[in-house]
């Protein structure tokens, strides 16, 4: 081949490559969501759209609450749920602000079995303990709703592990951060290349059918569980250096997937009423998940009908004869709907489901679009149940009741004298006169931890206040501690048992469990099997024959620094 021919060949190859690249760039840049075919809705619900699981500068997000609200308003959302890690610091920003978007402040609670998103909380006077059962009990008392966060995360420390946990918690059936992580470095580079051309298309191409849908179906076979999508938005991609890439922004993430909540009436502008209505709908499961960036998803319905009665997502329907299930709405012309019962396909159809069913079960709908693996819409279920099913599912959703014990033996009555002592670090104020006459549940004396917790500093990094007995005891053959407690406001504090271990710096291992107090006296039972070593990766078991100390302790892992409060304890016993 002559030099001129080789040059011409190279030129032709370059031209072909440039043409292919230009076509690909043009396809990405000009891609738009699919249009929908208009349709009337056969129900009277008001649909409000919003995103959940958003982080701000109060934890590991890059933007302030005002930035989140502005992004939500730009996308046209009705609500946004901020859930900073183990923090309710954004609470003062809760409400409508200047944007008209309802901002609800919850939190993402770190537990040993995974993270829980919690929505509908007041400002708290204590911290969650890190035990998921404790968290669910607290949330139940607070009237809050919770969801297992990023259940399919590629990071083991983030992945939800506690699938057998009792309670009525729901699931993030789609999590934006997990989907981005699952794409790997190749998918991430492709998204970065596409992002300046079309951020929606770049992020959509990262999405795959969530494996969490199968885990959700397994959970739904046992009890009700609301499914939501979690944006898991942080604002920017942070790197190890001080700079950050504006990828993906809050606004870009918010445009991808939304929760469409069905309400009886529109938002009124009253923050308290509207938040309560939103939390009630989330708790009930009156919502569906839609990938709004693929096609407008705000006019979908899924209904059950019988003899003039009508039910929708999240509702229970008595299994009392044939039932008509309908799904549809304003959908793209090529949308395909699938009806599932207990996770198994019942029927499928183009744009419409209209199916008679006779069997009880958990029915839900998915909508799919050609060329996309991720479902465009996932409904929450309609539960068609027999009375036996209903009772079984309610039992599965219930939290275990308090431990009931038989005979007990007295350890400490906290009368005029005591084998306990009050101890704190130098930064904490603690009243050493802890015997408080006439304050016990029966009018006798009680022990009092009257404290003002210090603020951590370099010299005093771990403020604490405690009431402890450092007398060796043989508690072998015993199952746990029993005592009475109340406080000026609700707190969480630690019950600790220390056993002999000469290899430790203080000659003992520390085992602990968290206890929640209230303003009324309550009896508390702490089984020894609930105690966990404060060193997470420590081996071994509590040696009750070599018990060295029993303590009641308040620290910054239980309440915020600077907390000024009082906890009363009485009638410590062992069973």
Protein backbone atom coordinates (compact mmCIF):
# COMPACT_ATOMS: atom_id res chain seq x y z
CA UNK A 1 0.00 0.00 0.00
CA UNK A 2 1.36 3.35 -0.96
CA UNK A 3 1.92 6.13 1.52
CA UNK A 4 -0.94 8.08 0.01
CA UNK A 5 -3.24 5.05 0.34
CA UNK A 6 -2.32 4.52 3.99
CA UNK A 7 -2.96 8.17 4.69
CA UNK A 8 -6.33 7.96 2.98
CA UNK A 9 -7.22 4.82 4.97
CA UNK A 10 -6.32 6.50 8.25
CA UNK A 11 -8.39 9.50 7.28
CA UNK A 12 -11.36 7.29 6.48
CA UNK A 13 -11.05 5.48 9.83
CA UNK A 14 -10.86 8.78 11.70
CA UNK A 15 -13.89 10.04 9.80
CA UNK A 16 -15.87 6.89 10.62
CA UNK A 17 -14.90 7.08 14.30
CA UNK A 18 -15.85 10.75 14.44
CA UNK A 19 -19.15 9.96 12.75
CA UNK A 20 -19.93 7.16 15.21
CA UNK A 21 -18.97 9.35 18.18
CA UNK A 22 -21.05 12.21 16.80
CA UNK A 23 -24.07 9.94 16.42
CA UNK A 24 -23.65 8.62 19.98
CA UNK A 25 -23.20 12.12 21.36
CA UNK A 26 -26.25 13.29 19.43
CA UNK A 27 -28.34 10.36 20.73
CA UNK A 28 -27.33 11.07 24.34
CA UNK A 29 -27.75 14.83 24.09
CA UNK A 30 -31.16 14.64 22.41
CA UNK A 31 -32.62 11.80 24.51
CA UNK A 32 -35.82 12.82 26.27
CA UNK A 33 -38.35 11.06 28.54
CA UNK A 34 -41.08 9.11 26.78
CA UNK A 35 -44.41 10.93 26.39
CA UNK A 36 -47.50 9.44 28.00
CA UNK A 37 -50.98 8.86 26.61
CA UNK A 38 -53.49 10.92 28.59
CA UNK A 39 -55.99 9.04 30.73
CA UNK A 40 -58.54 9.77 33.45
CA UNK A 41 -57.92 8.29 36.88
CA UNK A 42 -60.72 6.21 38.44
CA UNK A 43 -59.93 7.32 42.00
CA UNK A 44 -60.10 10.60 43.88
CA UNK A 45 -56.69 10.56 45.55
CA UNK A 46 -54.29 13.48 45.34
CA UNK A 47 -50.80 12.40 44.30
CA UNK A 48 -47.85 14.26 45.81
CA UNK A 49 -44.32 13.49 44.69
CA UNK A 50 -41.11 13.67 46.63
CA UNK A 51 -37.75 12.16 47.48
CA UNK A 52 -36.49 10.53 50.67
CA UNK A 53 -33.03 9.81 52.05
CA UNK A 54 -31.18 13.09 51.52
CA UNK A 55 -28.01 14.17 53.32
CA UNK A 56 -26.89 17.74 54.07
CA UNK A 57 -23.91 19.38 55.73
CA UNK A 58 -25.34 18.18 59.05
CA UNK A 59 -23.78 14.81 58.13
CA UNK A 60 -21.95 13.84 54.92
CA UNK A 61 -23.86 15.90 52.36
CA UNK A 62 -22.29 18.80 50.48
CA UNK A 63 -25.23 21.20 50.62
CA UNK A 64 -27.30 22.95 53.24
CA UNK A 65 -31.02 22.36 53.71
CA UNK A 66 -31.73 25.46 51.61
CA UNK A 67 -29.78 23.90 48.71
CA UNK A 68 -31.84 20.71 49.02
CA UNK A 69 -35.10 22.68 49.05
CA UNK A 70 -34.06 24.72 46.02
CA UNK A 71 -33.21 21.57 44.09
CA UNK A 72 -36.53 19.95 45.05
CA UNK A 73 -38.41 23.06 43.93
CA UNK A 74 -36.51 23.15 40.61
CA UNK A 75 -37.57 19.56 39.92
CA UNK A 76 -41.19 20.31 40.86
CA UNK A 77 -41.39 18.07 43.93
CA UNK A 78 -44.00 18.49 46.64
CA UNK A 79 -41.89 17.17 49.53
CA UNK A 80 -38.36 16.18 50.46
CA UNK A 81 -37.30 14.02 53.42
CA UNK A 82 -33.89 14.91 54.89
CA UNK A 83 -32.24 12.04 56.78
CA UNK A 84 -28.79 12.98 58.01
CA UNK A 85 -26.77 10.28 59.73
CA UNK A 86 -27.75 9.96 63.41
CA UNK A 87 -28.74 13.60 63.51
CA UNK A 88 -31.87 15.73 63.73
CA UNK A 89 -29.88 18.96 63.55
CA UNK A 90 -31.88 20.08 60.50
CA UNK A 91 -35.15 20.09 62.52
CA UNK A 92 -35.29 23.92 62.74
CA UNK A 93 -35.53 23.96 58.92
CA UNK A 94 -38.56 21.66 58.83
CA UNK A 95 -41.56 23.12 57.05
CA UNK A 96 -42.27 24.92 53.77
CA UNK A 97 -39.52 27.55 53.87
CA UNK A 98 -39.34 29.87 50.87
CA UNK A 99 -39.80 27.28 48.14
CA UNK A 100 -43.26 25.84 48.78
CA UNK A 101 -41.72 22.37 49.09
CA UNK A 102 -42.56 20.55 52.34
CA UNK A 103 -39.30 19.65 54.08
CA UNK A 104 -39.60 16.79 56.57
CA UNK A 105 -36.58 16.06 58.75
CA UNK A 106 -35.94 12.48 59.82
CA UNK A 107 -32.67 10.66 60.35
CA UNK A 108 -30.64 7.66 59.17
CA UNK A 109 -29.96 5.54 62.25
CA UNK A 110 -26.80 3.43 62.28
CA UNK A 111 -27.41 0.00 63.81
CA UNK A 112 -25.26 -3.09 63.97
CA UNK A 113 -27.57 -4.88 61.50
CA UNK A 114 -27.75 -2.00 59.04
CA UNK A 115 -29.18 1.50 58.73
CA UNK A 116 -32.79 2.53 59.33
CA UNK A 117 -34.39 5.62 57.82
CA UNK A 118 -36.78 7.13 60.34
CA UNK A 119 -39.47 9.67 59.40
CA UNK A 120 -41.93 11.51 61.62
CA UNK A 121 -39.78 12.13 64.71
CA UNK A 122 -39.82 15.00 67.18
CA UNK A 123 -36.57 16.52 68.39
CA UNK A 124 -35.08 13.96 70.79
CA UNK A 125 -33.42 14.25 74.21
CA UNK A 126 -31.38 11.08 73.68
CA UNK A 127 -29.45 9.18 71.02
CA UNK A 128 -30.43 5.87 69.48
CA UNK A 129 -28.48 2.99 70.98
CA UNK A 130 -27.12 1.27 67.87
CA UNK A 131 -29.34 -1.77 68.48
CA UNK A 132 -32.05 -2.06 65.82
CA UNK A 133 -34.62 -3.51 68.24
CA UNK A 134 -34.08 -0.58 70.59
CA UNK A 135 -34.47 1.79 67.64
CA UNK A 136 -37.72 0.20 66.51
CA UNK A 137 -39.14 0.34 70.05
CA UNK A 138 -38.23 4.02 70.28
CA UNK A 139 -39.72 4.76 66.86
CA UNK A 140 -42.93 2.92 67.74
CA UNK A 141 -43.32 5.02 70.89
CA UNK A 142 -42.62 8.15 68.86
CA UNK A 143 -45.21 7.26 66.21
CA UNK A 144 -42.56 7.20 63.48
CA UNK A 145 -42.19 5.09 60.34
CA UNK A 146 -38.93 3.39 59.37
CA UNK A 147 -37.31 1.75 56.36
CA UNK A 148 -34.29 -0.50 55.88
CA UNK A 149 -31.80 1.63 53.95
CA UNK A 150 -29.73 0.52 50.92
CA UNK A 151 -30.46 -3.21 51.43
CA UNK A 152 -28.37 -4.24 48.42
CA UNK A 153 -25.40 -1.90 48.90
CA UNK A 154 -22.07 -3.12 47.58
CA UNK A 155 -20.54 -2.08 50.89
CA UNK A 156 -21.06 -4.73 53.54
CA UNK A 157 -21.08 -2.15 56.34
CA UNK A 158 -24.01 -0.39 54.64
CA UNK A 159 -25.97 -3.43 53.45
CA UNK A 160 -29.07 -4.32 55.48
CA UNK A 161 -28.45 -7.62 57.30
CA UNK A 162 -31.29 -7.85 59.83
CA UNK A 163 -34.07 -9.33 57.65
CA UNK A 164 -35.51 -11.34 60.56
CA UNK A 165 -35.86 -8.27 62.75
CA UNK A 166 -39.40 -7.99 64.17
CA UNK A 167 -41.50 -4.89 63.72
CA UNK A 168 -43.31 -3.12 60.90
CA UNK A 169 -40.37 -1.46 59.14
CA UNK A 170 -40.40 -1.02 55.37
CA UNK A 171 -37.70 -1.26 52.70
CA UNK A 172 -35.89 0.95 50.21
CA UNK A 173 -36.68 -1.15 47.15
CA UNK A 174 -34.55 1.22 45.06
CA UNK A 175 -31.54 3.14 46.37
CA UNK A 176 -29.72 5.58 44.12
CA UNK A 177 -26.34 5.26 45.80
CA UNK A 178 -26.43 1.43 45.67
CA UNK A 179 -27.26 1.53 41.97
CA UNK A 180 -24.36 3.89 41.26
CA UNK A 181 -21.94 1.73 43.25
CA UNK A 182 -23.10 -1.44 41.48
CA UNK A 183 -22.24 0.09 38.09
CA UNK A 184 -18.53 -0.21 38.93
CA UNK A 185 -15.72 1.91 37.58
CA UNK A 186 -16.62 1.30 33.93
CA UNK A 187 -20.22 2.36 34.46
CA UNK A 188 -19.07 5.32 36.49
CA UNK A 189 -16.74 6.52 33.73
CA UNK A 190 -19.50 6.14 31.16
CA UNK A 191 -21.84 8.15 33.37
CA UNK A 192 -19.21 10.86 33.80
CA UNK A 193 -18.78 11.07 30.03
CA UNK A 194 -22.53 11.30 29.40
CA UNK A 195 -23.34 13.58 32.34
CA UNK A 196 -22.39 16.95 30.72
CA UNK A 197 -24.46 16.01 27.66
CA UNK A 198 -27.57 14.72 29.45
CA UNK A 199 -27.47 14.16 33.20
CA UNK A 200 -30.80 12.33 33.25
CA UNK A 201 -29.70 9.80 30.64
CA UNK A 202 -26.31 9.38 32.31
CA UNK A 203 -27.84 8.46 35.66
CA UNK A 204 -30.66 6.39 34.18
CA UNK A 205 -28.17 4.17 32.35
CA UNK A 206 -26.73 3.19 35.73
CA UNK A 207 -30.04 1.68 36.88
CA UNK A 208 -30.75 -2.05 36.91
CA UNK A 209 -33.62 -4.11 38.31
CA UNK A 210 -33.02 -3.98 42.10
CA UNK A 211 -32.31 -7.29 43.79
CA UNK A 212 -34.10 -5.74 46.78
CA UNK A 213 -37.43 -6.43 45.03
CA UNK A 214 -36.98 -10.15 45.66
CA UNK A 215 -36.07 -9.56 49.32
CA UNK A 216 -39.12 -7.31 49.59
CA UNK A 217 -41.39 -10.04 48.23
CA UNK A 218 -39.96 -12.39 50.85
CA UNK A 219 -40.73 -9.89 53.58
CA UNK A 220 -44.22 -9.28 52.18
CA UNK A 221 -44.96 -12.99 52.45
CA UNK A 222 -44.74 -12.59 56.24
CA UNK A 223 -46.12 -9.12 56.95
CA UNK A 224 -46.95 -5.69 55.53
CA UNK A 225 -43.91 -3.64 54.51
CA UNK A 226 -43.98 -0.32 52.65
CA UNK A 227 -41.55 -0.03 49.74
CA UNK A 228 -40.01 3.33 48.87
CA UNK A 229 -37.21 4.71 46.73
CA UNK A 230 -34.30 6.40 48.48
CA UNK A 231 -32.34 9.04 46.59
CA UNK A 232 -29.41 8.71 49.01
CA UNK A 233 -28.37 12.10 47.68
CA UNK A 234 -25.23 13.80 48.98
CA UNK A 235 -24.98 16.70 46.53
CA UNK A 236 -21.58 16.01 44.97
CA UNK A 237 -19.08 13.22 44.51
CA UNK A 238 -16.48 13.79 47.21
CA UNK A 239 -12.85 12.82 46.66
CA UNK A 240 -9.92 12.38 49.02
CA UNK A 241 -8.66 15.85 48.08
CA UNK A 242 -10.41 19.03 49.10
CA UNK A 243 -12.02 19.54 45.70
CA UNK A 244 -15.34 17.91 44.79
CA UNK A 245 -16.90 17.06 41.45
CA UNK A 246 -20.41 18.43 40.83
CA UNK A 247 -21.63 14.90 40.09
CA UNK A 248 -24.35 14.08 40.72
CA UNK A 249 -26.01 17.22 42.04
CA UNK A 250 -29.08 17.16 44.25
CA UNK A 251 -31.21 18.37 41.36
CA UNK A 252 -29.92 15.68 38.99
CA UNK A 253 -30.59 12.90 41.50
CA UNK A 254 -34.03 14.25 42.42
CA UNK A 255 -35.12 14.13 38.77
CA UNK A 256 -34.48 10.39 38.44
CA UNK A 257 -36.85 8.56 40.82
CA UNK A 258 -39.64 9.72 43.11
CA UNK A 259 -42.16 8.47 45.65
CA UNK A 260 -45.74 9.24 44.59
CA UNK A 261 -47.89 9.35 47.71
CA UNK A 262 -51.68 9.11 47.62
CA UNK A 263 -53.47 11.52 49.96
CA UNK A 264 -57.14 12.07 50.73
CA UNK A 265 -56.75 15.82 50.14
CA UNK A 266 -54.06 18.24 48.91
CA UNK A 267 -51.41 19.68 51.17
CA UNK A 268 -52.92 22.58 53.11
CA UNK A 269 -49.78 24.58 53.91
CA UNK A 270 -50.09 23.61 57.57
CA UNK A 271 -46.77 21.90 58.35
CA UNK A 272 -48.08 19.79 61.23
CA UNK A 273 -51.15 18.52 59.37
CA UNK A 274 -49.36 17.91 56.08
CA UNK A 275 -46.44 16.09 57.71
CA UNK A 276 -48.84 13.90 59.67
CA UNK A 277 -50.77 13.05 56.48
CA UNK A 278 -47.55 12.20 54.65
CA UNK A 279 -46.23 10.00 57.47
CA UNK A 280 -49.59 8.22 57.77
CA UNK A 281 -49.60 7.44 54.04
CA UNK A 282 -46.00 6.17 54.16
CA UNK A 283 -46.88 3.98 57.14
CA UNK A 284 -49.92 2.56 55.38
CA UNK A 285 -48.12 2.01 52.07
CA UNK A 286 -50.32 4.34 50.04
CA UNK A 287 -47.71 5.14 47.43
CA UNK A 288 -45.83 3.86 44.43
CA UNK A 289 -42.27 4.33 43.17
CA UNK A 290 -41.80 5.92 39.75
CA UNK A 291 -38.73 6.63 37.60
CA UNK A 292 -39.96 10.05 36.54
CA UNK A 293 -36.92 10.70 34.36
CA UNK A 294 -37.96 7.81 32.05
CA UNK A 295 -41.52 9.10 31.63
CA UNK A 296 -43.90 11.23 33.70
CA UNK A 297 -45.15 8.88 36.43
CA UNK A 298 -47.62 11.06 38.32
CA UNK A 299 -50.87 9.52 37.00
CA UNK A 300 -50.72 5.81 37.76
CA UNK A 301 -53.38 3.83 39.62
CA UNK A 302 -53.79 0.36 41.09
CA UNK A 303 -57.20 -0.55 42.51
CA UNK A 304 -59.20 -3.47 43.84
CA UNK A 305 -62.97 -3.40 43.40
CA UNK A 306 -65.88 -5.50 44.59
CA UNK A 307 -69.60 -4.77 44.90
CA UNK A 308 -69.19 -1.01 44.69
CA UNK A 309 -66.28 -0.87 47.15
CA UNK A 310 -62.80 0.27 46.14
CA UNK A 311 -59.36 -0.19 47.66
CA UNK A 312 -55.90 1.02 46.67
CA UNK A 313 -52.24 0.44 47.48
CA UNK A 314 -51.57 -0.25 51.15
CA UNK A 315 -55.14 -1.35 51.82
CA UNK A 316 -56.33 -4.69 53.20
CA UNK A 317 -59.19 -6.38 51.34
CA UNK A 318 -61.19 -9.23 52.93
CA UNK A 319 -60.81 -12.48 50.99
CA UNK A 320 -64.55 -12.88 50.48
CA UNK A 321 -65.15 -13.77 46.86
CA UNK A 322 -63.99 -12.63 43.42
CA UNK A 323 -62.17 -9.33 43.19
CA UNK A 324 -61.44 -7.08 40.23
CA UNK A 325 -57.89 -5.72 40.10
CA UNK A 326 -57.22 -2.78 37.77
CA UNK A 327 -54.05 -0.85 37.01
CA UNK A 328 -53.16 1.76 34.44
CA UNK A 329 -53.22 5.52 34.01
CA UNK A 330 -51.33 8.01 31.88
CA UNK A 331 -48.60 5.72 30.53
CA UNK A 332 -46.30 5.58 27.50
CA UNK A 333 -47.84 3.77 24.54
CA UNK A 334 -45.32 0.93 24.88
CA UNK A 335 -45.62 0.47 28.66
CA UNK A 336 -46.18 -3.12 29.77
CA UNK A 337 -47.85 -3.83 33.12
CA UNK A 338 -47.30 -6.97 35.16
CA UNK A 339 -49.52 -8.11 38.04
CA UNK A 340 -47.78 -10.23 40.68
CA UNK A 341 -49.24 -12.30 43.49
CA UNK A 342 -46.83 -13.20 46.29
CA UNK A 343 -43.96 -12.32 43.94
CA UNK A 344 -45.19 -14.57 41.09
CA UNK A 345 -46.56 -13.18 37.81
CA UNK A 346 -50.33 -13.54 37.45
CA UNK A 347 -50.84 -11.70 34.17
CA UNK A 348 -49.36 -8.95 32.02
CA UNK A 349 -50.76 -6.48 29.54
CA UNK A 350 -50.06 -3.42 27.42
CA UNK A 351 -50.83 -0.26 29.43
CA UNK A 352 -53.78 -1.88 31.28
CA UNK A 353 -54.39 -4.60 33.84
CA UNK A 354 -58.00 -5.69 34.37
CA UNK A 355 -58.00 -9.05 36.10
CA UNK A 356 -60.47 -11.04 38.18
CA UNK A 357 -58.78 -12.82 41.08
CA UNK A 358 -60.17 -15.33 43.52
CA UNK A 359 -57.17 -16.24 45.65
CA UNK A 360 -55.96 -14.36 48.71
CA UNK A 361 -52.43 -13.00 48.55
CA UNK A 362 -50.21 -9.94 48.28
CA UNK A 363 -50.80 -8.28 44.90
CA UNK A 364 -48.56 -5.62 43.40
CA UNK A 365 -47.89 -4.18 39.93
CA UNK A 366 -44.76 -3.34 37.96
CA UNK A 367 -44.64 -1.23 34.79
CA UNK A 368 -41.79 -1.75 32.31
CA UNK A 369 -40.56 0.20 29.28
CA UNK A 370 -38.73 -1.28 26.31
CA UNK A 371 -34.96 -1.08 26.56
CA UNK A 372 -34.81 -0.52 30.31
CA UNK A 373 -34.08 -3.22 32.89
CA UNK A 374 -35.24 -1.17 35.86
CA UNK A 375 -39.03 -1.09 36.33
CA UNK A 376 -40.50 2.30 35.47
CA UNK A 377 -43.16 1.99 38.20
CA UNK A 378 -43.42 -0.33 41.21
CA UNK A 379 -46.63 -0.20 43.20
CA UNK A 380 -47.03 -0.97 46.85
CA UNK A 381 -49.26 -4.01 47.45
CA UNK A 382 -52.95 -4.50 47.93
CA UNK A 383 -53.33 -7.18 50.61
CA UNK A 384 -56.15 -9.68 49.98
CA UNK A 385 -56.32 -11.59 53.25
CA UNK A 386 -58.31 -14.16 55.16
CA UNK A 387 -58.88 -13.55 58.85
CA UNK A 388 -56.20 -16.15 59.62
CA UNK A 389 -53.74 -14.38 57.29
CA UNK A 390 -54.51 -11.04 58.92
CA UNK A 391 -53.85 -12.34 62.42
CA UNK A 392 -50.66 -14.11 61.36
CA UNK A 393 -49.28 -11.01 59.65
CA UNK A 394 -50.13 -8.74 62.58
CA UNK A 395 -48.28 -11.09 64.91
CA UNK A 396 -45.26 -11.07 62.58
CA UNK A 397 -45.22 -7.25 62.61
CA UNK A 398 -45.44 -6.94 66.40
CA UNK A 399 -42.42 -6.12 68.51
CA UNK A 400 -41.76 -8.60 71.35
CA UNK A 401 -43.27 -7.63 74.69
CA UNK A 402 -41.23 -6.94 77.82
CA UNK A 403 -39.42 -9.84 79.47
CA UNK A 404 -41.48 -11.28 82.33
CA UNK A 405 -39.47 -12.77 85.19
CA UNK A 406 -40.31 -14.84 88.23
CA UNK A 407 -38.52 -14.81 91.57
CA UNK A 408 -35.84 -12.17 92.10
CA UNK A 409 -33.12 -11.55 94.65
CA UNK A 410 -32.33 -8.10 96.00
CA UNK A 411 -29.03 -6.43 95.09
CA UNK A 412 -29.63 -2.81 96.19
CA UNK A 413 -32.63 -0.89 97.60
CA UNK A 414 -30.97 2.57 97.55
CA UNK A 415 -32.20 3.50 101.01
CA UNK A 416 -30.23 5.57 103.52
CA UNK A 417 -26.93 3.93 102.58
CA UNK A 418 -25.65 2.19 99.47
CA UNK A 419 -22.75 0.18 98.10
CA UNK A 420 -22.94 2.32 94.94
CA UNK A 421 -20.96 5.51 94.33
CA UNK A 422 -21.43 8.45 91.96
CA UNK A 423 -18.50 8.93 89.56
CA UNK A 424 -18.00 11.28 86.60
CA UNK A 425 -15.20 12.68 84.48
CA UNK A 426 -13.87 16.16 85.36
CA UNK A 427 -15.85 17.90 82.59
CA UNK A 428 -19.20 16.62 83.90
CA UNK A 429 -21.13 17.96 86.88
CA UNK A 430 -22.60 15.16 89.02
CA UNK A 431 -24.29 15.49 92.42
CA UNK A 432 -22.46 13.07 94.76
CA UNK A 433 -25.50 12.96 97.09
CA UNK A 434 -27.33 10.40 95.03
CA UNK A 435 -29.73 8.98 97.66
CA UNK A 436 -32.95 10.94 97.12
CA UNK A 437 -35.48 10.37 99.96
CA UNK A 438 -39.17 10.01 99.15
CA UNK A 439 -38.76 9.85 95.36
CA UNK A 440 -39.06 6.08 94.80
CA UNK A 441 -42.10 4.47 93.16
CA UNK A 442 -43.48 3.46 96.59
CA UNK A 443 -42.47 6.70 98.35
CA UNK A 444 -39.18 5.31 99.67
CA UNK A 445 -35.71 6.55 98.72
CA UNK A 446 -34.30 6.12 95.24
CA UNK A 447 -30.90 6.65 93.64
CA UNK A 448 -30.51 9.79 91.57
CA UNK A 449 -28.07 10.58 88.76
CA UNK A 450 -28.31 14.37 88.64
CA UNK A 451 -25.87 15.40 85.93
CA UNK A 452 -24.80 18.00 83.43
CA UNK A 453 -22.77 16.14 80.86
CA UNK A 454 -19.58 17.75 79.72
CA UNK A 455 -18.60 18.65 76.17
CA UNK A 456 -15.79 16.54 74.67
CA UNK A 457 -12.39 18.22 74.52
CA UNK A 458 -8.85 17.02 73.83
CA UNK A 459 -8.26 16.74 77.58
CA UNK A 460 -11.62 15.10 78.31
CA UNK A 461 -12.76 13.29 75.15
CA UNK A 462 -15.37 11.04 76.82
CA UNK A 463 -17.66 12.87 79.26
CA UNK A 464 -19.73 10.58 81.48
CA UNK A 465 -21.79 10.41 84.65
CA UNK A 466 -22.31 7.11 86.44
CA UNK A 467 -23.66 5.33 89.45
CA UNK A 468 -21.71 2.15 90.08
CA UNK A 469 -21.00 -0.65 92.52
CA UNK A 470 -17.45 -2.01 92.26
CA UNK A 471 -18.00 -4.98 94.55
CA UNK A 472 -17.09 -8.45 93.17
CA UNK A 473 -20.11 -10.75 92.94
CA UNK A 474 -20.85 -14.27 91.85
CA UNK A 475 -23.96 -14.01 89.65
CA UNK A 476 -23.59 -17.42 88.04
CA UNK A 477 -26.93 -19.12 87.47
CA UNK A 478 -28.68 -15.75 87.17
CA UNK A 479 -30.35 -14.53 83.97
CA UNK A 480 -30.43 -10.75 84.27
CA UNK A 481 -31.09 -7.55 86.19
CA UNK A 482 -34.42 -5.97 87.16
CA UNK A 483 -34.88 -2.39 88.39
CA UNK A 484 -37.24 0.59 88.32
CA UNK A 485 -36.39 3.84 86.51
CA UNK A 486 -37.80 7.25 85.65
CA UNK A 487 -36.33 10.57 84.51
CA UNK A 488 -37.19 14.23 84.09
CA UNK A 489 -37.44 13.74 80.29
CA UNK A 490 -36.94 10.57 78.20
CA UNK A 491 -33.31 9.44 78.00
CA UNK A 492 -31.28 6.46 76.96
CA UNK A 493 -28.47 5.33 79.23
CA UNK A 494 -26.26 2.26 79.63
CA UNK A 495 -26.50 -0.62 82.05
CA UNK A 496 -23.04 -2.14 82.35
CA UNK A 497 -21.69 -5.33 83.89
CA UNK A 498 -17.94 -5.82 84.12
CA UNK A 499 -16.25 -9.19 84.50
CA UNK A 500 -12.71 -10.09 85.46
CA UNK A 501 -10.11 -9.98 82.68
CA UNK A 502 -6.52 -9.37 83.86
CA UNK A 503 -5.35 -8.76 80.26
CA UNK A 504 -7.41 -5.58 79.97
CA UNK A 505 -5.93 -2.25 81.14
CA UNK A 506 -8.54 -1.92 83.93
CA UNK A 507 -8.57 -5.64 84.68
CA UNK A 508 -12.11 -6.15 83.38
CA UNK A 509 -14.25 -6.44 80.27
CA UNK A 510 -17.28 -4.17 79.98
CA UNK A 511 -20.62 -5.51 78.74
CA UNK A 512 -23.57 -3.20 78.25
CA UNK A 513 -27.13 -2.71 77.04
CA UNK A 514 -29.13 0.46 76.45
CA UNK A 515 -32.23 1.31 78.52
CA UNK A 516 -34.82 3.96 77.74
CA UNK A 517 -36.38 5.92 80.59
CA UNK A 518 -39.54 8.01 80.67
CA UNK A 519 -41.14 10.53 82.97
CA UNK A 520 -43.16 7.75 84.64
CA UNK A 521 -41.73 4.95 86.74
CA UNK A 522 -41.33 1.76 84.77
CA UNK A 523 -39.92 -1.64 85.58
CA UNK A 524 -37.03 -2.70 83.35
CA UNK A 525 -35.64 -6.18 82.80
CA UNK A 526 -32.18 -6.53 81.22
CA UNK A 527 -31.30 -10.14 80.37
CA UNK A 528 -27.58 -10.78 80.57
CA UNK A 529 -27.75 -12.29 77.07
CA UNK A 530 -28.59 -8.83 75.73
CA UNK A 531 -25.33 -7.35 76.99
CA UNK A 532 -22.70 -6.72 74.32
CA UNK A 533 -19.00 -6.16 74.78
CA UNK A 534 -18.17 -2.49 74.26
CA UNK A 535 -15.32 -3.67 72.04
CA UNK A 536 -17.25 -4.74 68.93
CA UNK A 537 -14.82 -7.40 67.73
CA UNK A 538 -14.07 -8.87 71.18
CA UNK A 539 -14.46 -12.61 71.63
CA UNK A 540 -15.71 -14.52 74.63
CA UNK A 541 -18.76 -14.33 76.86
CA UNK A 542 -19.68 -12.58 80.08
CA UNK A 543 -18.33 -14.53 83.07
CA UNK A 544 -21.05 -13.99 85.67
CA UNK A 545 -19.06 -15.84 88.36
CA UNK A 546 -16.39 -13.12 88.14
CA UNK A 547 -18.58 -10.02 88.10
CA UNK A 548 -16.51 -7.01 89.18
CA UNK A 549 -18.93 -4.09 88.82
CA UNK A 550 -22.49 -3.04 87.94
CA UNK A 551 -22.98 0.50 86.60
CA UNK A 552 -25.66 2.85 85.33
CA UNK A 553 -23.90 5.25 82.96
CA UNK A 554 -24.76 8.32 80.87
CA UNK A 555 -22.32 9.41 78.17
CA UNK A 556 -22.28 11.17 74.79
CA UNK A 557 -23.25 7.90 73.10
CA UNK A 558 -26.53 8.04 75.01
CA UNK A 559 -27.40 11.74 75.17
CA UNK A 560 -26.04 14.90 73.52
CA UNK A 561 -23.09 16.72 75.15
CA UNK A 562 -24.16 19.37 77.62
CA UNK A 563 -27.39 17.57 78.57
CA UNK A 564 -28.61 18.64 82.02
CA UNK A 565 -30.93 16.06 83.54
CA UNK A 566 -31.91 13.62 86.25
CA UNK A 567 -32.46 9.86 86.18
CA UNK A 568 -33.87 7.99 89.20
CA UNK A 569 -33.20 4.28 89.76
CA UNK A 570 -34.64 2.04 92.48
CA UNK A 571 -34.88 -1.57 93.66
CA UNK A 572 -32.07 -3.24 91.76
CA UNK A 573 -32.60 -7.00 91.71
CA UNK A 574 -31.33 -10.08 89.92
CA UNK A 575 -33.34 -13.00 88.56
